[in-house]
């Protein structure tokens, strides 16, 4: 359902601090509907206000359920607890059972949807929830002045060839 591909894009940030960008692909083509938390709904509405042509649901529909978004792996992300994603009890237990203590662990160790689906009680809806909350968390960590640039990057990644 989801694929994660690593890009070898490294950016120097501050004193000996590096940020790596990973591209995550959300493949919702096999599911009929997706349930969003209130926080994610607010974020999607904010995205629509900032860049009206960047409708995430429309992009997913146009791409046949596939949606790509960048995750910037930084020291802060690496040390953030999984609980910061505000996941349901099931999703939280699934990730803790798999040994993911931080968001950085999750991002660094997932190589595809099979990795999440292999975790006990981690089905399609739980995988959806984890990916949506990961996207929302990433977006909420971006500074206000860089959000439009991030949205443009999402549009670029999801452009049809």
Protein backbone atom coordinates (compact mmCIF):
# COMPACT_ATOMS: atom_id res chain seq x y z
CA UNK A 1 0.00 0.00 0.00
CA UNK A 2 2.74 2.45 0.89
CA UNK A 3 6.19 2.67 -0.53
CA UNK A 4 8.96 4.71 0.91
CA UNK A 5 11.85 5.65 -1.27
CA UNK A 6 14.98 7.28 0.00
CA UNK A 7 16.39 10.22 -1.89
CA UNK A 8 20.02 11.07 -1.50
CA UNK A 9 19.32 14.72 -0.84
CA UNK A 10 21.27 16.01 2.10
CA UNK A 11 21.17 19.60 3.23
CA UNK A 12 23.48 21.18 5.75
CA UNK A 13 21.52 22.80 8.54
CA UNK A 14 23.29 24.67 11.31
CA UNK A 15 26.28 23.23 13.13
CA UNK A 16 26.94 19.68 11.93
CA UNK A 17 23.21 18.99 11.72
CA UNK A 18 21.95 17.34 8.55
CA UNK A 19 18.46 16.93 7.20
CA UNK A 20 17.56 14.04 4.91
CA UNK A 21 14.45 14.09 2.76
CA UNK A 22 12.53 10.86 2.29
CA UNK A 23 9.64 10.59 -0.11
CA UNK A 24 6.67 8.61 1.17
CA UNK A 25 4.05 7.25 -1.17
CA UNK A 26 0.54 6.83 0.16
CA UNK A 27 -1.31 4.26 -1.96
CA UNK A 28 -4.98 4.38 -1.03
CA UNK A 29 -6.20 2.92 -4.33
CA UNK A 30 -7.63 -0.23 -2.70
CA UNK A 31 -9.63 1.60 -0.05
CA UNK A 32 -12.97 3.29 -0.58
CA UNK A 33 -12.65 6.04 1.99
CA UNK A 34 -10.17 7.46 4.39
CA UNK A 35 -10.91 8.74 7.86
CA UNK A 36 -9.02 11.82 8.96
CA UNK A 37 -8.54 13.12 12.46
CA UNK A 38 -9.76 16.62 13.24
CA UNK A 39 -6.15 17.84 13.31
CA UNK A 40 -5.50 16.48 9.81
CA UNK A 41 -8.75 17.97 8.51
CA UNK A 42 -7.67 21.37 9.85
CA UNK A 43 -4.27 20.97 8.19
CA UNK A 44 -5.84 20.03 4.85
CA UNK A 45 -8.11 23.08 5.09
CA UNK A 46 -5.08 25.26 5.86
CA UNK A 47 -3.30 23.83 2.80
CA UNK A 48 -6.35 24.68 0.66
CA UNK A 49 -6.29 28.27 1.99
CA UNK A 50 -2.56 28.71 1.37
CA UNK A 51 -2.54 27.11 -2.08
CA UNK A 52 -6.10 26.65 -3.44
CA UNK A 53 -5.02 24.38 -6.29
CA UNK A 54 -3.34 21.95 -3.84
CA UNK A 55 -6.32 19.80 -2.91
CA UNK A 56 -4.77 16.68 -1.38
CA UNK A 57 -7.90 14.55 -1.89
CA UNK A 58 -8.09 15.61 -5.54
CA UNK A 59 -4.40 14.85 -6.06
CA UNK A 60 -4.91 11.36 -4.58
CA UNK A 61 -7.94 10.79 -6.79
CA UNK A 62 -6.18 12.04 -9.93
CA UNK A 63 -3.17 9.79 -9.25
CA UNK A 64 -5.30 6.71 -8.65
CA UNK A 65 -4.96 6.75 -4.86
CA UNK A 66 -1.22 7.39 -4.78
CA UNK A 67 0.09 10.43 -2.94
CA UNK A 68 3.73 11.36 -2.40
CA UNK A 69 5.00 13.67 0.29
CA UNK A 70 8.45 14.50 1.66
CA UNK A 71 9.51 13.81 5.22
CA UNK A 72 12.51 15.79 6.41
CA UNK A 73 14.43 13.68 8.87
CA UNK A 74 16.12 15.95 11.38
CA UNK A 75 17.54 15.59 14.87
CA UNK A 76 14.25 16.85 16.32
CA UNK A 77 12.25 14.25 14.35
CA UNK A 78 14.67 11.52 15.39
CA UNK A 79 14.12 12.28 19.08
CA UNK A 80 10.34 12.88 18.98
CA UNK A 81 8.31 10.17 20.73
CA UNK A 82 5.73 8.21 18.70
CA UNK A 83 3.05 9.58 21.04
CA UNK A 84 3.48 13.00 19.39
CA UNK A 85 1.71 11.63 16.29
CA UNK A 86 -1.54 11.47 18.29
CA UNK A 87 -2.41 8.00 17.02
CA UNK A 88 -5.27 5.77 18.10
CA UNK A 89 -4.59 3.16 20.78
CA UNK A 90 -4.39 0.37 18.17
CA UNK A 91 -1.91 2.22 15.96
CA UNK A 92 0.16 3.29 18.94
CA UNK A 93 0.32 -0.29 20.28
CA UNK A 94 1.22 -1.63 16.83
CA UNK A 95 4.18 0.72 16.52
CA UNK A 96 5.39 0.13 20.07
CA UNK A 97 5.05 -3.65 19.55
CA UNK A 98 7.24 -3.33 16.46
CA UNK A 99 9.89 -1.53 18.51
CA UNK A 100 9.41 2.01 17.20
CA UNK A 101 9.98 4.43 20.07
CA UNK A 102 10.48 7.63 18.07
CA UNK A 103 9.17 9.10 14.84
CA UNK A 104 12.73 8.98 13.50
CA UNK A 105 12.86 5.21 14.12
CA UNK A 106 9.60 4.80 12.21
CA UNK A 107 10.69 6.88 9.22
CA UNK A 108 14.15 5.32 9.06
CA UNK A 109 13.02 1.69 9.27
CA UNK A 110 9.95 1.50 7.06
CA UNK A 111 10.71 0.32 3.53
CA UNK A 112 7.17 -0.30 2.32
CA UNK A 113 3.62 -1.08 3.33
CA UNK A 114 4.56 -4.70 3.91
CA UNK A 115 6.64 -3.58 6.88
CA UNK A 116 3.63 -1.99 8.59
CA UNK A 117 1.17 -4.68 7.50
CA UNK A 118 3.36 -7.40 9.01
CA UNK A 119 2.90 -5.91 12.45
CA UNK A 120 0.19 -7.73 14.40
CA UNK A 121 -3.19 -5.90 14.30
CA UNK A 122 -1.86 -3.30 11.86
CA UNK A 123 -4.35 -3.45 9.00
CA UNK A 124 -5.12 -1.11 6.11
CA UNK A 125 -6.98 1.49 8.19
CA UNK A 126 -4.23 1.55 10.80
CA UNK A 127 -1.59 1.98 8.09
CA UNK A 128 -3.69 4.84 6.64
CA UNK A 129 -3.91 6.49 10.03
CA UNK A 130 -0.17 6.23 10.65
CA UNK A 131 0.70 7.71 7.25
CA UNK A 132 -1.86 10.53 7.54
CA UNK A 133 -0.68 11.45 11.02
CA UNK A 134 2.94 11.32 9.87
CA UNK A 135 2.10 13.71 7.03
CA UNK A 136 0.21 16.03 9.38
CA UNK A 137 3.01 15.95 11.94
CA UNK A 138 5.59 16.79 9.27
CA UNK A 139 3.47 19.68 7.99
CA UNK A 140 2.89 21.06 11.49
CA UNK A 141 6.65 21.13 12.17
CA UNK A 142 7.39 23.34 9.17
CA UNK A 143 7.83 27.06 9.80
CA UNK A 144 5.00 29.27 8.55
CA UNK A 145 7.14 30.97 5.89
CA UNK A 146 8.16 27.61 4.40
CA UNK A 147 4.72 25.96 4.25
CA UNK A 148 3.86 27.23 0.77
CA UNK A 149 7.22 25.94 -0.51
CA UNK A 150 6.48 22.54 1.10
CA UNK A 151 3.05 22.42 -0.56
CA UNK A 152 4.64 23.29 -3.92
CA UNK A 153 7.11 20.43 -3.36
CA UNK A 154 4.18 18.07 -2.78
CA UNK A 155 2.56 19.28 -6.00
CA UNK A 156 5.83 18.72 -7.86
CA UNK A 157 6.17 15.17 -6.48
CA UNK A 158 2.59 14.36 -7.47
CA UNK A 159 2.72 15.86 -10.94
CA UNK A 160 1.73 13.42 -13.62
CA UNK A 161 4.35 12.56 -16.20
